[in-house]
Every structure is written in C-alpha cells, then in structure tokens.
N, C-alpha and C. Protein backbone atom coordinates (compact mmCIF):
# COMPACT_ATOMS: atom_id res chain seq x y z
N UNK A 1 0.84 -1.20 0.00
CA UNK A 1 0.00 0.00 0.00
C UNK A 1 0.88 1.26 0.00
N UNK A 2 0.62 2.16 -0.92
CA UNK A 2 1.39 3.38 -1.02
C UNK A 2 0.61 4.53 -0.40
N UNK A 3 1.20 5.17 0.57
CA UNK A 3 0.54 6.30 1.23
C UNK A 3 0.73 7.56 0.40
N UNK A 4 -0.34 8.35 0.31
CA UNK A 4 -0.27 9.62 -0.40
C UNK A 4 0.37 10.66 0.52
N UNK A 5 1.54 11.13 0.13
CA UNK A 5 2.26 12.09 0.96
C UNK A 5 2.02 13.53 0.54
N UNK A 6 1.13 13.73 -0.43
CA UNK A 6 0.82 15.09 -0.85
C UNK A 6 0.08 15.81 0.27
N UNK A 7 0.42 17.06 0.54
CA UNK A 7 -0.28 17.80 1.60
C UNK A 7 -1.74 18.04 1.23
N UNK A 8 -2.57 18.09 2.25
CA UNK A 8 -4.00 18.34 2.05
C UNK A 8 -4.22 19.84 1.91
N UNK A 9 -4.92 20.24 0.85
CA UNK A 9 -5.21 21.65 0.61
C UNK A 9 -6.52 22.01 1.30
N UNK A 10 -6.48 22.99 2.20
CA UNK A 10 -7.65 23.39 2.98
C UNK A 10 -8.03 24.82 2.62
N UNK A 11 -9.20 24.99 1.99
CA UNK A 11 -9.69 26.33 1.69
C UNK A 11 -10.18 26.97 2.98
N UNK A 12 -9.65 28.13 3.31
CA UNK A 12 -9.88 28.70 4.64
C UNK A 12 -10.07 30.22 4.57
N UNK A 13 -11.06 30.66 3.79
CA UNK A 13 -11.25 32.09 3.59
C UNK A 13 -11.67 32.83 4.85
N UNK A 14 -12.32 32.13 5.78
CA UNK A 14 -12.70 32.79 7.05
C UNK A 14 -11.67 32.55 8.16
N UNK A 15 -10.55 31.90 7.80
CA UNK A 15 -9.41 31.65 8.71
C UNK A 15 -9.79 30.83 9.94
N UNK A 16 -10.82 30.05 9.84
CA UNK A 16 -11.26 29.21 10.96
C UNK A 16 -10.25 28.10 11.24
N UNK A 17 -9.79 27.44 10.17
CA UNK A 17 -8.92 26.28 10.34
C UNK A 17 -7.50 26.69 10.75
N UNK A 18 -7.01 27.79 10.22
CA UNK A 18 -5.66 28.21 10.59
C UNK A 18 -5.63 28.69 12.04
N UNK A 19 -6.73 29.29 12.51
CA UNK A 19 -6.79 29.67 13.92
C UNK A 19 -6.71 28.44 14.82
N UNK A 20 -7.42 27.39 14.42
CA UNK A 20 -7.38 26.14 15.19
C UNK A 20 -5.99 25.52 15.15
N UNK A 21 -5.33 25.62 14.01
CA UNK A 21 -3.95 25.13 13.86
C UNK A 21 -3.01 25.86 14.81
N UNK A 22 -3.16 27.17 14.89
CA UNK A 22 -2.31 27.97 15.78
C UNK A 22 -2.56 27.62 17.25
N UNK A 23 -3.82 27.33 17.59
CA UNK A 23 -4.13 26.95 18.98
C UNK A 23 -3.45 25.64 19.36
N UNK A 24 -3.37 24.72 18.40
CA UNK A 24 -2.77 23.42 18.67
C UNK A 24 -1.25 23.48 18.71
N UNK A 25 -0.66 24.46 18.05
CA UNK A 25 0.80 24.60 18.00
C UNK A 25 1.17 25.99 18.53
N UNK A 26 1.39 26.05 19.83
CA UNK A 26 1.53 27.33 20.51
C UNK A 26 2.87 27.41 21.25
N UNK A 27 3.76 28.36 20.91
CA UNK A 27 3.56 29.45 19.96
C UNK A 27 3.73 28.98 18.51
N UNK A 28 3.23 29.79 17.59
CA UNK A 28 3.36 29.52 16.17
C UNK A 28 4.26 30.58 15.54
N UNK A 29 5.23 30.13 14.75
CA UNK A 29 6.13 31.04 14.05
C UNK A 29 5.71 31.07 12.58
N UNK A 30 5.40 32.25 12.07
CA UNK A 30 4.99 32.40 10.67
C UNK A 30 6.12 33.09 9.91
N UNK A 31 6.77 32.34 9.03
CA UNK A 31 7.85 32.88 8.20
C UNK A 31 7.27 33.45 6.91
N UNK A 32 7.87 34.52 6.43
CA UNK A 32 7.41 35.14 5.19
C UNK A 32 8.57 35.92 4.58
N UNK A 33 8.62 35.99 3.26
CA UNK A 33 9.70 36.73 2.61
C UNK A 33 9.28 38.12 2.16
N UNK A 34 8.00 38.46 2.34
CA UNK A 34 7.49 39.77 1.92
C UNK A 34 6.75 40.42 3.08
N UNK A 35 7.22 41.56 3.59
CA UNK A 35 6.57 42.18 4.75
C UNK A 35 5.14 42.63 4.50
N UNK A 36 4.82 42.97 3.26
CA UNK A 36 3.47 43.44 2.96
C UNK A 36 2.48 42.28 2.91
N UNK A 37 2.92 41.12 2.42
CA UNK A 37 2.07 39.93 2.44
C UNK A 37 1.82 39.50 3.88
N UNK A 38 2.85 39.60 4.70
CA UNK A 38 2.73 39.26 6.13
C UNK A 38 1.70 40.16 6.80
N UNK A 39 1.79 41.46 6.55
CA UNK A 39 0.87 42.41 7.16
C UNK A 39 -0.55 42.21 6.66
N UNK A 40 -0.69 41.88 5.38
CA UNK A 40 -2.02 41.61 4.83
C UNK A 40 -2.67 40.42 5.54
N UNK A 41 -1.88 39.36 5.75
CA UNK A 41 -2.42 38.19 6.46
C UNK A 41 -2.81 38.54 7.89
N UNK A 42 -1.94 39.24 8.60
CA UNK A 42 -2.23 39.60 9.99
C UNK A 42 -3.50 40.46 10.07
N UNK A 43 -3.67 41.37 9.13
CA UNK A 43 -4.87 42.20 9.12
C UNK A 43 -6.12 41.36 8.90
N UNK A 44 -6.05 40.40 7.99
CA UNK A 44 -7.20 39.52 7.75
C UNK A 44 -7.50 38.66 8.97
N UNK A 45 -6.45 38.20 9.64
CA UNK A 45 -6.64 37.40 10.84
C UNK A 45 -7.30 38.24 11.94
N UNK A 46 -6.79 39.43 12.15
CA UNK A 46 -7.33 40.32 13.19
C UNK A 46 -8.79 40.65 12.93
N UNK A 47 -9.16 40.79 11.68
CA UNK A 47 -10.55 41.13 11.32
C UNK A 47 -11.54 40.08 11.81
N UNK A 48 -11.13 38.81 11.82
CA UNK A 48 -12.07 37.73 12.14
C UNK A 48 -11.97 37.25 13.58
N UNK A 49 -10.94 37.67 14.30
CA UNK A 49 -10.77 37.22 15.69
C UNK A 49 -11.66 38.06 16.61
N UNK A 50 -12.43 37.38 17.45
CA UNK A 50 -13.37 38.07 18.33
C UNK A 50 -12.79 38.38 19.70
N UNK A 51 -11.87 37.54 20.19
CA UNK A 51 -11.31 37.78 21.52
C UNK A 51 -10.35 38.97 21.49
N UNK A 52 -9.98 39.51 22.65
CA UNK A 52 -9.03 40.63 22.69
C UNK A 52 -7.69 40.23 22.06
N UNK A 53 -7.06 41.19 21.41
CA UNK A 53 -5.79 40.96 20.71
C UNK A 53 -4.72 41.90 21.25
N UNK A 54 -3.57 41.34 21.56
CA UNK A 54 -2.39 42.15 21.90
C UNK A 54 -1.44 42.08 20.71
N UNK A 55 -1.16 43.22 20.10
CA UNK A 55 -0.26 43.28 18.95
C UNK A 55 1.02 43.98 19.37
N UNK A 56 2.11 43.21 19.43
CA UNK A 56 3.41 43.77 19.80
C UNK A 56 4.13 44.11 18.49
N UNK A 57 4.14 45.40 18.15
CA UNK A 57 4.63 45.84 16.85
C UNK A 57 6.07 46.33 16.97
N UNK A 58 7.00 45.47 16.59
CA UNK A 58 8.42 45.81 16.65
C UNK A 58 8.95 46.32 15.32
N UNK A 59 8.20 46.06 14.24
CA UNK A 59 8.59 46.55 12.92
C UNK A 59 7.94 47.90 12.60
N UNK A 60 6.90 48.24 13.38
CA UNK A 60 6.15 49.49 13.21
C UNK A 60 5.44 49.60 11.87
N UNK A 61 5.27 48.46 11.19
CA UNK A 61 4.57 48.47 9.90
C UNK A 61 3.06 48.46 10.10
N UNK A 62 2.57 47.52 10.93
CA UNK A 62 1.13 47.43 11.16
C UNK A 62 0.61 48.71 11.83
N UNK A 63 1.29 49.18 12.87
CA UNK A 63 0.83 50.38 13.57
C UNK A 63 0.89 51.60 12.66
N UNK A 64 1.84 51.60 11.72
CA UNK A 64 1.92 52.69 10.75
C UNK A 64 0.71 52.73 9.85
N UNK A 65 0.26 51.54 9.42
CA UNK A 65 -0.96 51.46 8.61
C UNK A 65 -2.18 51.92 9.41
N UNK A 66 -2.23 51.54 10.68
CA UNK A 66 -3.36 51.94 11.53
C UNK A 66 -3.37 53.45 11.73
N UNK A 67 -2.21 54.03 12.04
CA UNK A 67 -2.13 55.47 12.27
C UNK A 67 -2.47 56.27 11.02
N UNK A 68 -2.14 55.73 9.85
CA UNK A 68 -2.43 56.43 8.60
C UNK A 68 -3.88 56.26 8.16
N UNK A 69 -4.60 55.34 8.82
CA UNK A 69 -5.98 55.08 8.46
C UNK A 69 -6.15 54.06 7.35
N UNK A 70 -5.04 53.49 6.85
CA UNK A 70 -5.13 52.49 5.79
C UNK A 70 -5.68 51.17 6.32
N UNK A 71 -5.46 50.90 7.61
CA UNK A 71 -6.07 49.75 8.28
C UNK A 71 -6.89 50.29 9.45
N UNK A 72 -8.20 50.01 9.48
CA UNK A 72 -9.03 50.47 10.61
C UNK A 72 -8.62 49.74 11.89
N UNK A 73 -8.53 50.46 12.99
CA UNK A 73 -8.18 49.85 14.27
C UNK A 73 -9.43 49.29 14.93
N UNK A 74 -9.40 48.00 15.23
CA UNK A 74 -10.52 47.37 15.93
C UNK A 74 -10.47 47.70 17.42
N UNK A 75 -11.64 47.75 18.02
CA UNK A 75 -11.73 48.11 19.44
C UNK A 75 -11.09 47.05 20.33
N UNK A 76 -11.01 45.80 19.85
CA UNK A 76 -10.47 44.73 20.68
C UNK A 76 -8.95 44.57 20.53
N UNK A 77 -8.29 45.51 19.85
CA UNK A 77 -6.85 45.41 19.61
C UNK A 77 -6.08 46.41 20.48
N UNK A 78 -5.11 45.89 21.25
CA UNK A 78 -4.20 46.74 22.02
C UNK A 78 -2.83 46.65 21.35
N UNK A 79 -2.30 47.79 20.90
CA UNK A 79 -1.01 47.80 20.21
C UNK A 79 0.09 48.27 21.17
N UNK A 80 1.13 47.45 21.28
CA UNK A 80 2.33 47.81 22.05
C UNK A 80 3.48 48.03 21.07
N UNK A 81 4.22 49.11 21.24
CA UNK A 81 5.41 49.37 20.42
C UNK A 81 6.61 49.56 21.35
N UNK A 82 7.09 48.47 21.95
CA UNK A 82 8.19 48.59 22.94
C UNK A 82 9.50 48.98 22.28
N UNK A 83 10.37 49.59 23.07
CA UNK A 83 11.73 49.87 22.61
C UNK A 83 12.71 49.20 23.56
N UNK A 84 13.98 49.43 23.33
CA UNK A 84 15.01 48.73 24.11
C UNK A 84 14.95 49.07 25.59
N UNK A 85 14.53 50.30 25.92
CA UNK A 85 14.54 50.72 27.33
C UNK A 85 13.30 50.26 28.10
N UNK A 86 12.16 50.14 27.42
CA UNK A 86 10.94 49.79 28.16
C UNK A 86 10.43 48.38 27.86
N UNK A 87 11.27 47.56 27.17
CA UNK A 87 10.83 46.21 26.79
C UNK A 87 10.38 45.39 27.99
N UNK A 88 11.18 45.35 29.06
CA UNK A 88 10.85 44.52 30.23
C UNK A 88 9.54 44.98 30.87
N UNK A 89 9.35 46.29 30.94
CA UNK A 89 8.11 46.84 31.51
C UNK A 89 6.90 46.43 30.67
N UNK A 90 7.03 46.54 29.35
CA UNK A 90 5.92 46.21 28.45
C UNK A 90 5.62 44.71 28.49
N UNK A 91 6.66 43.88 28.47
CA UNK A 91 6.43 42.44 28.46
C UNK A 91 5.81 41.99 29.78
N UNK A 92 6.17 42.63 30.89
CA UNK A 92 5.56 42.32 32.18
C UNK A 92 4.07 42.66 32.16
N UNK A 93 3.74 43.79 31.56
CA UNK A 93 2.34 44.20 31.45
C UNK A 93 1.55 43.21 30.60
N UNK A 94 2.16 42.76 29.50
CA UNK A 94 1.49 41.81 28.62
C UNK A 94 1.29 40.47 29.33
N UNK A 95 2.31 39.99 30.04
CA UNK A 95 2.20 38.73 30.77
C UNK A 95 1.08 38.80 31.80
N UNK A 96 0.96 39.93 32.49
CA UNK A 96 -0.11 40.11 33.48
C UNK A 96 -1.47 40.02 32.81
N UNK A 97 -1.64 40.68 31.67
CA UNK A 97 -2.91 40.65 30.96
C UNK A 97 -3.26 39.23 30.50
N UNK A 98 -2.25 38.55 29.94
CA UNK A 98 -2.48 37.21 29.39
C UNK A 98 -2.81 36.21 30.49
N UNK A 99 -2.29 36.42 31.68
CA UNK A 99 -2.55 35.49 32.79
C UNK A 99 -3.98 35.60 33.30
N UNK A 100 -4.66 36.70 32.97
CA UNK A 100 -5.99 36.95 33.51
C UNK A 100 -7.12 36.47 32.60
N UNK A 101 -6.93 36.54 31.28
CA UNK A 101 -7.99 36.09 30.38
C UNK A 101 -7.41 35.75 29.00
N UNK A 102 -8.25 35.21 28.15
CA UNK A 102 -7.83 34.75 26.83
C UNK A 102 -7.55 35.91 25.89
N UNK A 103 -6.42 35.85 25.21
CA UNK A 103 -6.03 36.82 24.19
C UNK A 103 -5.49 36.08 22.96
N UNK A 104 -5.42 36.79 21.85
CA UNK A 104 -4.53 36.42 20.76
C UNK A 104 -3.36 37.38 20.86
N UNK A 105 -2.14 36.85 20.98
CA UNK A 105 -0.95 37.69 21.06
C UNK A 105 -0.18 37.56 19.74
N UNK A 106 0.06 38.69 19.09
CA UNK A 106 0.84 38.72 17.85
C UNK A 106 2.12 39.50 18.11
N UNK A 107 3.27 38.88 17.85
CA UNK A 107 4.56 39.55 18.00
C UNK A 107 5.16 39.70 16.60
N UNK A 108 5.29 40.93 16.15
CA UNK A 108 5.68 41.21 14.77
C UNK A 108 6.91 42.13 14.76
N UNK A 109 8.11 41.67 14.67
CA UNK A 109 8.50 40.34 14.28
C UNK A 109 9.83 39.99 14.96
N UNK A 110 10.33 38.78 14.72
CA UNK A 110 11.63 38.39 15.25
C UNK A 110 12.73 39.32 14.76
N UNK A 111 12.60 39.77 13.52
CA UNK A 111 13.61 40.65 12.96
C UNK A 111 13.67 41.96 13.73
N UNK A 112 12.50 42.45 14.15
CA UNK A 112 12.45 43.67 14.96
C UNK A 112 13.12 43.47 16.30
N UNK A 113 12.93 42.28 16.89
CA UNK A 113 13.58 41.97 18.18
C UNK A 113 15.09 41.98 18.00
N UNK A 114 15.56 41.33 16.95
CA UNK A 114 17.01 41.23 16.73
C UNK A 114 17.62 42.60 16.44
N UNK A 115 16.87 43.45 15.72
CA UNK A 115 17.37 44.80 15.43
C UNK A 115 17.41 45.67 16.69
N UNK A 116 16.50 45.37 17.64
CA UNK A 116 16.44 46.15 18.87
C UNK A 116 17.61 45.81 19.80
N UNK A 117 17.93 44.52 19.89
CA UNK A 117 19.00 44.07 20.77
C UNK A 117 20.21 43.66 19.94
N UNK A 118 21.37 44.17 20.28
CA UNK A 118 22.56 43.91 19.47
C UNK A 118 23.38 42.72 19.96
N UNK A 119 22.83 41.97 20.92
CA UNK A 119 23.56 40.78 21.37
C UNK A 119 22.60 39.60 21.48
N UNK A 120 23.13 38.42 21.20
CA UNK A 120 22.31 37.21 21.17
C UNK A 120 21.74 36.87 22.54
N UNK A 121 22.46 37.20 23.61
CA UNK A 121 21.99 36.90 24.96
C UNK A 121 20.66 37.58 25.25
N UNK A 122 20.53 38.84 24.85
CA UNK A 122 19.27 39.56 25.05
C UNK A 122 18.16 38.96 24.22
N UNK A 123 18.50 38.53 23.00
CA UNK A 123 17.50 37.92 22.13
C UNK A 123 17.01 36.61 22.72
N UNK A 124 17.91 35.83 23.31
CA UNK A 124 17.52 34.58 23.96
C UNK A 124 16.60 34.87 25.14
N UNK A 125 16.86 35.96 25.86
CA UNK A 125 15.97 36.37 26.96
C UNK A 125 14.57 36.65 26.43
N UNK A 126 14.49 37.35 25.30
CA UNK A 126 13.19 37.65 24.69
C UNK A 126 12.49 36.35 24.28
N UNK A 127 13.26 35.41 23.72
CA UNK A 127 12.69 34.11 23.35
C UNK A 127 12.10 33.42 24.57
N UNK A 128 12.79 33.51 25.71
CA UNK A 128 12.28 32.92 26.95
C UNK A 128 10.97 33.58 27.36
N UNK A 129 10.88 34.89 27.15
CA UNK A 129 9.63 35.61 27.46
C UNK A 129 8.49 35.11 26.58
N UNK A 130 8.79 34.86 25.30
CA UNK A 130 7.78 34.36 24.38
C UNK A 130 7.28 32.99 24.82
N UNK A 131 8.21 32.11 25.21
CA UNK A 131 7.81 30.78 25.66
C UNK A 131 7.02 30.86 26.96
N UNK A 132 7.39 31.81 27.83
CA UNK A 132 6.64 32.02 29.07
C UNK A 132 5.23 32.50 28.77
N UNK A 133 5.11 33.44 27.83
CA UNK A 133 3.79 33.92 27.41
C UNK A 133 2.93 32.77 26.92
N UNK A 134 3.52 31.91 26.11
CA UNK A 134 2.78 30.76 25.57
C UNK A 134 2.35 29.81 26.67
N UNK A 135 3.26 29.55 27.61
CA UNK A 135 2.97 28.63 28.71
C UNK A 135 1.83 29.15 29.59
N UNK A 136 1.91 30.44 29.95
CA UNK A 136 0.85 31.05 30.77
C UNK A 136 -0.45 31.11 29.98
N UNK A 137 -0.33 31.48 28.71
CA UNK A 137 -1.52 31.64 27.88
C UNK A 137 -2.30 30.36 27.67
N UNK A 138 -1.61 29.22 27.63
CA UNK A 138 -2.29 27.94 27.41
C UNK A 138 -3.32 27.66 28.50
N UNK A 139 -3.09 28.18 29.68
CA UNK A 139 -4.00 27.94 30.80
C UNK A 139 -5.35 28.63 30.60
N UNK A 140 -5.37 29.69 29.78
CA UNK A 140 -6.62 30.42 29.54
C UNK A 140 -7.03 30.40 28.07
N UNK A 141 -6.30 29.65 27.25
CA UNK A 141 -6.66 29.51 25.84
C UNK A 141 -6.05 30.55 24.92
N UNK A 142 -5.01 31.24 25.38
CA UNK A 142 -4.35 32.26 24.56
C UNK A 142 -3.44 31.62 23.52
N UNK A 143 -3.47 32.17 22.30
CA UNK A 143 -2.54 31.75 21.25
C UNK A 143 -1.50 32.84 21.04
N UNK A 144 -0.26 32.42 20.81
CA UNK A 144 0.83 33.36 20.55
C UNK A 144 1.37 33.11 19.14
N UNK A 145 1.36 34.15 18.32
CA UNK A 145 1.86 34.06 16.94
C UNK A 145 3.03 35.03 16.80
N UNK A 146 4.14 34.52 16.29
CA UNK A 146 5.32 35.36 16.08
C UNK A 146 5.68 35.31 14.60
N UNK A 147 5.85 36.47 13.99
CA UNK A 147 6.25 36.50 12.58
C UNK A 147 7.76 36.65 12.47
N UNK A 148 8.28 36.26 11.32
CA UNK A 148 9.71 36.41 11.05
C UNK A 148 9.92 36.52 9.55
N UNK A 149 10.71 37.49 9.15
CA UNK A 149 11.08 37.60 7.74
C UNK A 149 12.18 36.58 7.48
N UNK A 150 12.01 35.80 6.42
CA UNK A 150 12.97 34.73 6.12
C UNK A 150 12.95 34.43 4.63
N UNK A 151 14.02 33.85 4.18
CA UNK A 151 14.05 33.36 2.80
C UNK A 151 14.78 32.02 2.78
N UNK A 152 14.49 31.25 1.74
CA UNK A 152 15.02 29.90 1.66
C UNK A 152 16.18 29.83 0.67
N UNK A 153 17.28 29.19 1.09
CA UNK A 153 18.43 29.01 0.22
C UNK A 153 18.19 27.81 -0.70
N UNK A 154 19.01 27.68 -1.71
CA UNK A 154 18.89 26.55 -2.63
C UNK A 154 19.07 25.23 -1.91
N UNK A 155 19.78 25.26 -0.79
CA UNK A 155 20.03 24.04 0.00
C UNK A 155 18.84 23.69 0.90
N UNK A 156 17.71 24.44 0.75
CA UNK A 156 16.50 24.26 1.56
C UNK A 156 16.67 24.77 2.99
N UNK A 157 17.76 25.45 3.28
CA UNK A 157 17.97 26.03 4.62
C UNK A 157 17.32 27.40 4.68
N UNK A 158 16.66 27.68 5.82
CA UNK A 158 16.00 28.97 6.00
C UNK A 158 16.99 30.00 6.55
N UNK A 159 16.98 31.19 5.95
CA UNK A 159 17.82 32.28 6.43
C UNK A 159 16.94 33.23 7.23
N UNK A 160 17.22 33.35 8.53
CA UNK A 160 16.47 34.27 9.39
C UNK A 160 17.37 34.71 10.53
N UNK A 161 16.88 35.62 11.35
CA UNK A 161 17.71 36.19 12.42
C UNK A 161 18.12 35.10 13.42
N UNK A 162 19.28 35.29 14.10
CA UNK A 162 19.73 34.30 15.09
C UNK A 162 18.69 34.00 16.16
N UNK A 163 17.95 35.02 16.60
CA UNK A 163 16.91 34.79 17.61
C UNK A 163 15.84 33.85 17.11
N UNK A 164 15.46 34.03 15.84
CA UNK A 164 14.47 33.14 15.24
C UNK A 164 14.97 31.72 15.15
N UNK A 165 16.25 31.57 14.80
CA UNK A 165 16.84 30.23 14.73
C UNK A 165 16.81 29.55 16.08
N UNK A 166 17.10 30.31 17.14
CA UNK A 166 17.15 29.74 18.49
C UNK A 166 15.80 29.16 18.90
N UNK A 167 14.72 29.91 18.69
CA UNK A 167 13.42 29.44 19.16
C UNK A 167 12.90 28.31 18.29
N UNK A 168 13.21 28.33 16.99
CA UNK A 168 12.79 27.24 16.12
C UNK A 168 13.48 25.94 16.52
N UNK A 169 14.74 26.03 16.94
CA UNK A 169 15.49 24.84 17.37
C UNK A 169 14.92 24.22 18.63
N UNK A 170 14.10 24.99 19.38
CA UNK A 170 13.55 24.46 20.63
C UNK A 170 12.61 23.28 20.38
N UNK A 171 12.01 23.23 19.18
CA UNK A 171 11.17 22.10 18.82
C UNK A 171 9.81 22.06 19.49
N UNK A 172 9.45 23.10 20.23
CA UNK A 172 8.18 23.10 20.96
C UNK A 172 7.16 24.04 20.33
N UNK A 173 7.31 24.28 19.04
CA UNK A 173 6.48 25.27 18.37
C UNK A 173 5.99 24.76 17.03
N UNK A 174 5.06 25.50 16.44
CA UNK A 174 4.65 25.25 15.07
C UNK A 174 5.34 26.26 14.17
N UNK A 175 5.89 25.80 13.05
CA UNK A 175 6.59 26.69 12.12
C UNK A 175 5.90 26.64 10.76
N UNK A 176 5.53 27.81 10.27
CA UNK A 176 4.75 27.90 9.03
C UNK A 176 5.41 28.85 8.05
N UNK A 177 5.13 28.62 6.77
CA UNK A 177 5.62 29.53 5.74
C UNK A 177 4.43 30.12 5.00
N UNK A 178 4.42 31.45 4.94
CA UNK A 178 3.33 32.18 4.28
C UNK A 178 3.85 32.76 2.97
N UNK A 179 3.07 32.57 1.91
CA UNK A 179 3.42 33.22 0.65
C UNK A 179 2.14 33.61 -0.08
N UNK A 180 2.28 34.55 -0.99
CA UNK A 180 1.13 35.01 -1.77
C UNK A 180 1.47 34.95 -3.25
N UNK A 181 0.59 34.30 -4.00
CA UNK A 181 0.73 34.25 -5.45
C UNK A 181 -0.53 34.85 -6.04
N UNK A 182 -0.36 35.95 -6.76
CA UNK A 182 -1.48 36.73 -7.27
C UNK A 182 -2.37 37.15 -6.11
N UNK A 183 -3.61 36.65 -6.02
CA UNK A 183 -4.51 37.08 -4.94
C UNK A 183 -4.70 36.01 -3.87
N UNK A 184 -3.93 34.95 -3.93
CA UNK A 184 -4.11 33.83 -3.01
C UNK A 184 -2.95 33.73 -2.02
N UNK A 185 -3.30 33.67 -0.73
CA UNK A 185 -2.31 33.46 0.33
C UNK A 185 -2.32 31.98 0.72
N UNK A 186 -1.16 31.38 0.83
CA UNK A 186 -1.08 30.00 1.32
C UNK A 186 -0.17 29.97 2.55
N UNK A 187 -0.54 29.10 3.49
CA UNK A 187 0.24 28.91 4.71
C UNK A 187 0.46 27.42 4.89
N UNK A 188 1.72 27.00 4.92
CA UNK A 188 2.04 25.58 5.07
C UNK A 188 2.90 25.35 6.30
N UNK A 189 2.68 24.21 6.95
CA UNK A 189 3.48 23.83 8.12
C UNK A 189 4.75 23.17 7.63
N UNK A 190 5.87 23.85 7.76
CA UNK A 190 7.11 23.33 7.19
C UNK A 190 7.74 22.25 8.06
N UNK A 191 7.18 22.03 9.26
CA UNK A 191 7.70 20.99 10.15
C UNK A 191 7.00 19.65 9.92
N UNK A 192 5.91 19.66 9.13
CA UNK A 192 5.12 18.44 8.96
C UNK A 192 4.88 18.13 7.49
N UNK A 193 5.91 18.33 6.68
CA UNK A 193 5.76 18.05 5.27
C UNK A 193 5.70 16.54 5.07
N UNK A 194 4.68 16.10 4.33
CA UNK A 194 4.49 14.67 4.12
C UNK A 194 3.10 14.24 4.53
N UNK A 195 2.92 12.99 4.92
CA UNK A 195 1.62 12.45 5.28
C UNK A 195 0.98 13.26 6.40
N UNK A 196 -0.26 13.69 6.17
CA UNK A 196 -1.00 14.41 7.20
C UNK A 196 -0.76 15.90 7.21
N UNK A 197 0.14 16.41 6.37
CA UNK A 197 0.41 17.85 6.36
C UNK A 197 -0.70 18.59 5.61
N UNK A 198 -0.80 19.89 5.90
CA UNK A 198 -1.86 20.70 5.29
C UNK A 198 -1.28 21.99 4.74
N UNK A 199 -1.93 22.47 3.69
CA UNK A 199 -1.66 23.81 3.19
C UNK A 199 -2.97 24.58 3.26
N UNK A 200 -2.96 25.68 4.00
CA UNK A 200 -4.17 26.50 4.15
C UNK A 200 -4.18 27.55 3.06
N UNK A 201 -5.30 27.61 2.34
CA UNK A 201 -5.42 28.51 1.19
C UNK A 201 -6.45 29.59 1.50
N UNK A 202 -6.04 30.86 1.38
CA UNK A 202 -6.91 31.99 1.68
C UNK A 202 -7.03 32.85 0.43
N UNK A 203 -8.24 32.97 -0.08
CA UNK A 203 -8.44 33.72 -1.34
C UNK A 203 -9.06 35.08 -1.08
C-alpha cells in the first residue's frame, strides 16, 4: 500500500482552520519573505478574531498602517510598540494581561527583536519571554503568533535572524511559511511536510 504524501489543501477564507492550527501549536512562528504579504495576512486574521488581541509591533509596519488610516483599528486590539529601554516593563504588562484572560498575542516580528538588541543573549531572553507567554496563555486559551522575515536558500535552509533560529530549534512550536501568489495566500506547516500535512489557502 502506497501512502499519499501530498499535503492536504484546505480552503480557509474565514481563517477558521488556521486559527485552530495555531491553537494546537503554541507558539506559532509564521515565516514570510514579503513584509506586505505578512501584514495583509495579519490584518485579515485580526478582522475575524473576536477575543481581545495584543499586537506587539516591533517593525512598526502594522501600527503605521493603523495610524495612517489604511487599516481600521478594531476596538479589541491593544497595540504595544516597545523599545530597548521599556521592553521589560511592556512584556511584564502583557504577561499580566495574558494570565488573567484569553487573548490572541501577535509579535511582529523576530527581525524587529534582533534589530532592537545587538547581542544574542538579550534575544535569547526575549525568546524565553515568548515561551513564558505561551505557557501562561495555554491555561486560559491564549494563542501566541510570532512573525519572522525569512528566505530559503537553494540548499533548503532557511535564512532568518539568530533569535528566530534559536526558538525554532527548541522544537516546541509550530513553524509555518506564508506566501502570496497573485490574490491567493497560502500557509504551510514546514515541520510536517508529508503524510498528514496541510496547506491552508486563503483567497
């Protein structure tokens, strides 16, 4: 008997299935090679999420769109734009909020974290905070999504910031690749390629 190893294509225009996927794999790392495609996906996700959302904007792209009026700000979205001096204060505030009730936490992005801190030790500390957020959040149903700009080499190796590499190596997360071709966004789990894997298609 030959098993079909082709990934299952899941049409998910209302993002119901990808939300469930993120809940099962917490935290979830979403890799993307285009910042605008990444922001488009996050905006579509935020539009359909009903629970409170904490958006940690380290790239200042999403908040820039909101401030310009290009993306309407939803009432259930709290935007944090931490810097190097107030990061610990902001992350403590977020952890307190997440411990009290269910949130969707979006951290955008690993590249912003790495640009903020010029040493790997600080980045590893931030990674520990992300894992702590996920651990605390699981008790109340919170999902944590972290984006990262990345590209793939011919050798199939992913090129991304050292901080991103560290957390992916932990093996306790879901890792996905987002791309857009024409008007269609696809999200695939790059850790589960083969039997039982899925590609989520958003049109």
